[in-house]
Amino acid sequence: MLANYLIGLREGLEAALIVGILVAYIVKVGRRDVLSKLWTGIGIAVVVPLGVGALLTWGPYGMSFEAQETLGGGLSIVAVGFVTWMIFWMGKTARTMKSTLQNKLDSALVGAGWGVVILAMLSVGREGIETALFVWATVASVGGGWEPAVGAILGILTAALLGFLLYRGMVKINLGTFFTWTGAFLIVVAGGVFAYGIGDFQEAGLIPDGRHAYDLSGLIPSSTWYGTVLQGVVNFTPSPTWLQVIAWVAYVGVVSFFYVRQHRSAGRPAAPRVRVADSTAPTTVAS
């Protein structure tokens, strides 16, 4: 539940920042007439991920066991790819995100401003689809249940509240530090999802199953509270195969190396302070 809460919080806060920048700029340039179009695009961006989540949840029913495992493993790998790209994208583009969005909005405001619908749909919808796919992958890796979905929803609701408070200048959050530490945590979570995807491929017979590297089920039973916490937070598997262990170590090691190097090259853990709106207090966007 905690892992999905942080996923929803991080992705939701990114979306909230984007919405805040778009709304503030539209108001600043005196084009309040297109605000309804902006919210239309945001509404579509919210509905589409819900449809994706429903399709992923109920779509595989009726498929053979091998097909379900192949689909689950493939989508898990895709989800890991998305979240990895998102982590590095935020670090690379955060300092220019405001100016980039404003430049795109200038083009979208031409004429009746219908381009705002597409801009909002793509900018916010990307975050939603990434969230839906990664949350589905983490839910699948822990065997289902309602807790992970509730965690993601609570994270998104928290992000929406924080986004509103930031826009109104009622709170100050060092977003650079926030995105830095949540990014590091998500690398560990993504490593577990990656190993789970490898396990699905082994179950489907696409790659050799191999011997189990170790068995900690007696020391950390899945039925205990701490076993459940480890499984839900970092996708802990008490009896992984050697290939799963190698995949987890390789992913976490390689991605962590480049993640640390990216932040060291930035010269500081947090990005410069950027005003979302002229009337708000300065907030920090991640580097």
Protein backbone atom coordinates (compact mmCIF):
# COMPACT_ATOMS: atom_id res chain seq x y z
CA MET A 1 0.00 0.00 0.00
CA LEU A 2 2.83 2.42 0.88
CA ALA A 3 4.59 1.84 -2.44
CA ASN A 4 1.43 2.57 -4.42
CA TYR A 5 0.67 5.58 -2.22
CA LEU A 6 4.05 7.07 -3.12
CA ILE A 7 3.54 6.21 -6.79
CA GLY A 8 0.18 7.97 -6.79
CA LEU A 9 1.60 10.90 -4.80
CA ARG A 10 4.62 11.38 -7.05
CA GLU A 11 2.79 11.01 -10.36
CA GLY A 12 -0.18 12.99 -9.10
CA LEU A 13 2.04 15.82 -7.92
CA GLU A 14 3.75 15.97 -11.31
CA ALA A 15 0.31 16.21 -12.96
CA ALA A 16 -0.81 18.82 -10.41
CA LEU A 17 2.25 20.97 -11.15
CA ILE A 18 1.54 20.75 -14.87
CA VAL A 19 -2.09 21.75 -14.34
CA GLY A 20 -1.05 24.62 -12.06
CA ILE A 21 1.42 25.97 -14.63
CA LEU A 22 -1.15 25.74 -17.45
CA VAL A 23 -3.93 27.40 -15.44
CA ALA A 24 -1.66 30.18 -14.16
CA TYR A 25 -0.37 31.00 -17.63
CA ILE A 26 -3.84 31.03 -19.20
CA VAL A 27 -5.01 33.44 -16.50
CA LYS A 28 -1.88 35.55 -16.88
CA VAL A 29 -2.34 36.04 -20.65
CA GLY A 30 -6.05 36.84 -20.20
CA ARG A 31 -7.48 33.78 -21.98
CA ARG A 32 -9.92 32.61 -19.33
CA ASP A 33 -12.27 31.68 -22.15
CA VAL A 34 -10.23 28.54 -22.82
CA LEU A 35 -10.20 27.33 -19.21
CA SER A 36 -13.22 25.12 -19.92
CA LYS A 37 -11.28 23.51 -22.78
CA LEU A 38 -8.33 22.95 -20.45
CA TRP A 39 -10.54 21.14 -17.93
CA THR A 40 -12.09 19.11 -20.74
CA GLY A 41 -8.65 17.85 -21.72
CA ILE A 42 -7.81 17.12 -18.08
CA GLY A 43 -11.09 15.21 -17.70
CA ILE A 44 -10.26 13.04 -20.70
CA ALA A 45 -6.77 12.50 -19.28
CA VAL A 46 -8.34 11.19 -16.06
CA VAL A 47 -10.86 8.86 -17.74
CA VAL A 48 -8.40 7.19 -20.14
CA PRO A 49 -6.10 5.75 -17.41
CA LEU A 50 -9.18 4.38 -15.62
CA GLY A 51 -10.11 2.57 -18.82
CA VAL A 52 -6.56 1.27 -19.17
CA GLY A 53 -6.64 -0.02 -15.60
CA ALA A 54 -9.98 -1.75 -16.15
CA LEU A 55 -8.75 -3.35 -19.37
CA LEU A 56 -5.60 -4.64 -17.67
CA THR A 57 -7.60 -5.98 -14.71
CA TRP A 58 -10.41 -7.80 -16.51
CA GLY A 59 -9.07 -8.17 -20.05
CA PRO A 60 -6.88 -11.28 -19.43
CA TYR A 61 -9.82 -13.37 -18.15
CA GLY A 62 -10.45 -16.32 -20.45
CA MET A 63 -6.84 -16.50 -21.61
CA SER A 64 -4.74 -19.60 -21.03
CA PHE A 65 -2.37 -19.68 -18.04
CA GLU A 66 0.69 -19.34 -20.31
CA ALA A 67 -0.87 -16.39 -22.15
CA GLN A 68 -1.76 -14.65 -18.89
CA GLU A 69 1.76 -15.09 -17.55
CA THR A 70 3.28 -13.85 -20.81
CA LEU A 71 1.01 -10.80 -20.83
CA GLY A 72 1.66 -10.11 -17.15
CA GLY A 73 5.42 -10.41 -17.57
CA GLY A 74 5.47 -8.22 -20.66
CA LEU A 75 3.36 -5.49 -19.07
CA SER A 76 5.51 -5.60 -15.93
CA ILE A 77 8.63 -4.98 -18.02
CA VAL A 78 6.86 -2.15 -19.89
CA ALA A 79 5.76 -0.63 -16.56
CA VAL A 80 9.35 -0.72 -15.30
CA GLY A 81 10.47 0.97 -18.50
CA PHE A 82 7.88 3.72 -18.05
CA VAL A 83 8.73 4.44 -14.43
CA THR A 84 12.47 4.41 -15.15
CA TRP A 85 11.99 6.88 -18.00
CA MET A 86 9.77 9.03 -15.77
CA ILE A 87 12.38 9.19 -13.00
CA PHE A 88 15.15 10.36 -15.33
CA TRP A 89 12.85 12.59 -17.41
CA MET A 90 11.84 14.56 -14.33
CA GLY A 91 15.44 15.06 -13.34
CA LYS A 92 16.43 16.22 -16.82
CA THR A 93 13.54 18.50 -17.77
CA ALA A 94 12.26 19.88 -14.45
CA ARG A 95 14.22 23.13 -14.72
CA THR A 96 12.72 23.89 -18.14
CA MET A 97 9.28 22.32 -17.64
CA LYS A 98 7.54 25.64 -16.99
CA SER A 99 8.95 27.41 -20.06
CA THR A 100 8.38 24.34 -22.25
CA LEU A 101 4.72 24.10 -21.26
CA GLN A 102 4.20 27.83 -21.75
CA ASN A 103 5.71 27.68 -25.25
CA LYS A 104 3.43 24.78 -26.17
CA LEU A 105 0.48 26.64 -24.68
CA ASP A 106 1.23 29.72 -26.80
CA SER A 107 0.78 27.57 -29.90
CA ALA A 108 -2.33 25.87 -28.51
CA LEU A 109 -4.00 29.22 -27.73
CA VAL A 110 -4.07 30.24 -31.40
CA GLY A 111 -7.63 30.82 -32.62
CA ALA A 112 -10.40 29.32 -30.51
CA GLY A 113 -7.85 27.51 -28.38
CA TRP A 114 -9.00 23.95 -29.06
CA GLY A 115 -5.37 22.90 -29.04
CA VAL A 116 -5.49 23.38 -25.27
CA VAL A 117 -7.66 20.25 -25.02
CA ILE A 118 -4.99 18.15 -26.72
CA LEU A 119 -2.14 19.74 -24.76
CA ALA A 120 -3.86 19.10 -21.42
CA MET A 121 -4.87 15.59 -22.44
CA LEU A 122 -1.34 14.60 -23.46
CA SER A 123 0.51 16.40 -20.64
CA VAL A 124 -1.67 15.04 -17.83
CA GLY A 125 -2.74 11.78 -19.47
CA ARG A 126 0.84 10.55 -19.74
CA GLU A 127 1.18 10.71 -15.98
CA GLY A 128 -2.13 8.88 -15.55
CA ILE A 129 -1.28 6.04 -17.91
CA GLU A 130 2.12 5.58 -16.29
CA THR A 131 0.42 5.41 -12.89
CA ALA A 132 -2.24 2.94 -14.04
CA LEU A 133 0.30 0.62 -15.64
CA PHE A 134 2.79 0.65 -12.78
CA VAL A 135 0.12 0.30 -10.08
CA TRP A 136 -1.37 -2.65 -11.98
CA ALA A 137 2.08 -4.26 -12.17
CA THR A 138 2.69 -3.84 -8.44
CA VAL A 139 -0.80 -5.14 -7.59
CA ALA A 140 -0.22 -8.19 -9.79
CA SER A 141 3.17 -8.85 -8.19
CA VAL A 142 1.66 -9.07 -4.69
CA GLY A 143 -1.29 -11.20 -5.72
CA GLY A 144 -4.07 -8.63 -5.94
CA GLY A 145 -6.15 -7.19 -3.10
CA TRP A 146 -7.75 -3.81 -2.60
CA GLU A 147 -5.03 -2.22 -0.44
CA PRO A 148 -2.64 -1.27 -3.29
CA ALA A 149 -5.42 0.42 -5.28
CA VAL A 150 -6.57 2.33 -2.19
CA GLY A 151 -2.98 3.41 -1.56
CA ALA A 152 -2.66 4.78 -5.09
CA ILE A 153 -5.98 6.64 -4.84
CA LEU A 154 -5.00 8.19 -1.50
CA GLY A 155 -1.68 9.25 -3.01
CA ILE A 156 -3.40 10.93 -5.95
CA LEU A 157 -5.88 12.71 -3.66
CA THR A 158 -3.01 13.93 -1.46
CA ALA A 159 -1.19 15.17 -4.57
CA ALA A 160 -4.30 17.04 -5.75
CA LEU A 161 -4.60 18.77 -2.37
CA LEU A 162 -0.90 19.67 -2.30
CA GLY A 163 -1.09 20.95 -5.87
CA PHE A 164 -3.98 23.26 -4.96
CA LEU A 165 -2.20 24.53 -1.84
CA LEU A 166 0.99 25.14 -3.83
CA TYR A 167 -0.92 27.05 -6.50
CA ARG A 168 -2.56 29.23 -3.86
CA GLY A 169 0.78 29.81 -2.16
CA MET A 170 -0.48 28.32 1.10
CA VAL A 171 2.35 25.79 1.52
CA LYS A 172 6.00 25.52 0.57
CA ILE A 173 7.54 22.15 -0.28
CA ASN A 174 11.05 21.43 -1.44
CA LEU A 175 9.89 19.45 -4.45
CA GLY A 176 13.47 18.79 -5.51
CA THR A 177 14.17 16.81 -2.35
CA PHE A 178 10.77 15.11 -2.58
CA PHE A 179 11.28 13.89 -6.15
CA THR A 180 14.89 12.89 -5.45
CA TRP A 181 14.04 10.58 -2.55
CA THR A 182 10.84 9.16 -4.04
CA GLY A 183 12.75 8.49 -7.25
CA ALA A 184 15.35 6.50 -5.30
CA PHE A 185 12.61 4.53 -3.56
CA LEU A 186 10.82 3.79 -6.84
CA ILE A 187 14.02 2.33 -8.27
CA VAL A 188 13.87 -0.35 -5.55
CA VAL A 189 10.14 -0.93 -6.18
CA ALA A 190 10.70 -1.13 -9.93
CA GLY A 191 13.47 -3.66 -9.34
CA GLY A 192 10.95 -5.91 -7.60
CA VAL A 193 8.44 -5.51 -10.44
CA PHE A 194 11.18 -6.30 -12.96
CA ALA A 195 12.07 -9.51 -11.09
CA TYR A 196 8.37 -10.39 -10.93
CA GLY A 197 8.09 -9.97 -14.70
CA ILE A 198 11.02 -12.31 -15.20
CA GLY A 199 9.24 -14.82 -12.95
CA ASP A 200 6.11 -14.55 -15.11
CA PHE A 201 8.15 -15.34 -18.22
CA GLN A 202 9.60 -18.35 -16.43
CA GLU A 203 6.12 -19.53 -15.44
CA ALA A 204 5.03 -19.19 -19.06
CA GLY A 205 7.99 -21.30 -20.19
CA LEU A 206 9.48 -18.53 -22.33
CA ILE A 207 12.78 -18.60 -20.47
CA PRO A 208 14.37 -21.37 -18.36
CA ASP A 209 12.95 -21.59 -14.86
CA GLY A 210 16.20 -22.55 -13.14
CA ARG A 211 16.84 -23.31 -9.51
CA HIS A 212 15.77 -21.09 -6.64
CA ALA A 213 18.58 -18.95 -5.29
CA TYR A 214 17.38 -19.24 -1.68
CA ASP A 215 14.24 -19.86 0.36
CA LEU A 216 13.41 -17.42 3.16
CA SER A 217 9.78 -18.48 3.48
CA GLY A 218 10.53 -20.07 6.86
CA LEU A 219 12.30 -16.95 8.15
CA ILE A 220 9.97 -14.39 6.55
CA PRO A 221 6.60 -16.09 5.91
CA SER A 222 4.32 -14.25 3.51
CA SER A 223 1.45 -14.68 5.98
CA THR A 224 3.14 -12.57 8.66
CA TRP A 225 2.67 -8.81 8.93
CA TYR A 226 6.31 -8.08 8.16
CA GLY A 227 6.27 -10.46 5.21
CA THR A 228 3.17 -8.71 3.88
CA VAL A 229 4.81 -5.29 4.38
CA LEU A 230 7.98 -6.31 2.54
CA GLN A 231 5.98 -7.83 -0.27
CA GLY A 232 3.72 -4.79 -0.60
CA VAL A 233 6.46 -2.15 -0.33
CA VAL A 234 9.41 -3.60 -2.25
CA ASN A 235 7.83 -6.66 -3.93
CA PHE A 236 9.86 -9.01 -1.75
CA THR A 237 9.85 -12.64 -2.92
CA PRO A 238 10.90 -15.20 -0.28
CA SER A 239 11.97 -17.82 -2.83
CA PRO A 240 13.22 -16.21 -6.08
CA THR A 241 15.07 -17.95 -8.88
CA TRP A 242 18.67 -17.12 -9.66
CA LEU A 243 17.58 -15.24 -12.77
CA GLN A 244 15.19 -13.09 -10.73
CA VAL A 245 17.94 -12.25 -8.26
CA ILE A 246 20.36 -11.37 -11.06
CA ALA A 247 17.69 -9.24 -12.77
CA TRP A 248 16.92 -7.33 -9.54
CA VAL A 249 20.57 -6.68 -8.70
CA ALA A 250 21.41 -5.66 -12.28
CA TYR A 251 18.45 -3.28 -12.59
CA VAL A 252 18.85 -1.61 -9.20
CA GLY A 253 22.64 -1.40 -9.54
CA VAL A 254 22.71 0.06 -13.06
CA VAL A 255 19.78 2.46 -12.64
CA SER A 256 21.02 3.65 -9.23
CA PHE A 257 24.46 4.38 -10.70
CA PHE A 258 23.07 6.60 -13.46
CA TYR A 259 20.53 8.16 -11.07
CA VAL A 260 23.23 9.21 -8.62
CA ARG A 261 25.42 10.45 -11.48
CA GLN A 262 22.56 12.54 -12.86
CA HIS A 263 22.00 14.28 -9.55
CA ARG A 264 25.69 14.80 -8.93
CA SER A 265 26.09 16.38 -12.35
CA ALA A 266 23.25 18.76 -11.48
CA GLY A 267 25.43 20.08 -8.65
CA ARG A 268 22.69 19.90 -6.01
CA PRO A 269 19.83 17.59 -5.01
CA ALA A 270 17.13 20.17 -5.67
CA ALA A 271 16.31 22.25 -8.71
CA PRO A 272 16.00 26.04 -8.84
CA ARG A 273 12.93 27.69 -7.41
CA VAL A 274 10.21 28.38 -9.97
CA ARG A 275 6.98 30.31 -9.53
CA VAL A 276 3.90 28.38 -10.68
CA ALA A 277 1.92 31.60 -10.75
CA ASP A 278 2.89 35.21 -10.22
CA SER A 279 0.61 35.37 -7.19
CA THR A 280 2.04 32.29 -5.50
CA ALA A 281 5.04 31.69 -3.32
CA PRO A 282 8.04 30.11 -5.04
CA THR A 283 8.10 26.32 -5.17
CA THR A 284 10.88 23.95 -6.08
CA VAL A 285 10.67 21.60 -9.03
CA ALA A 286 12.81 18.47 -9.01
CA SER A 287 16.13 18.22 -10.71
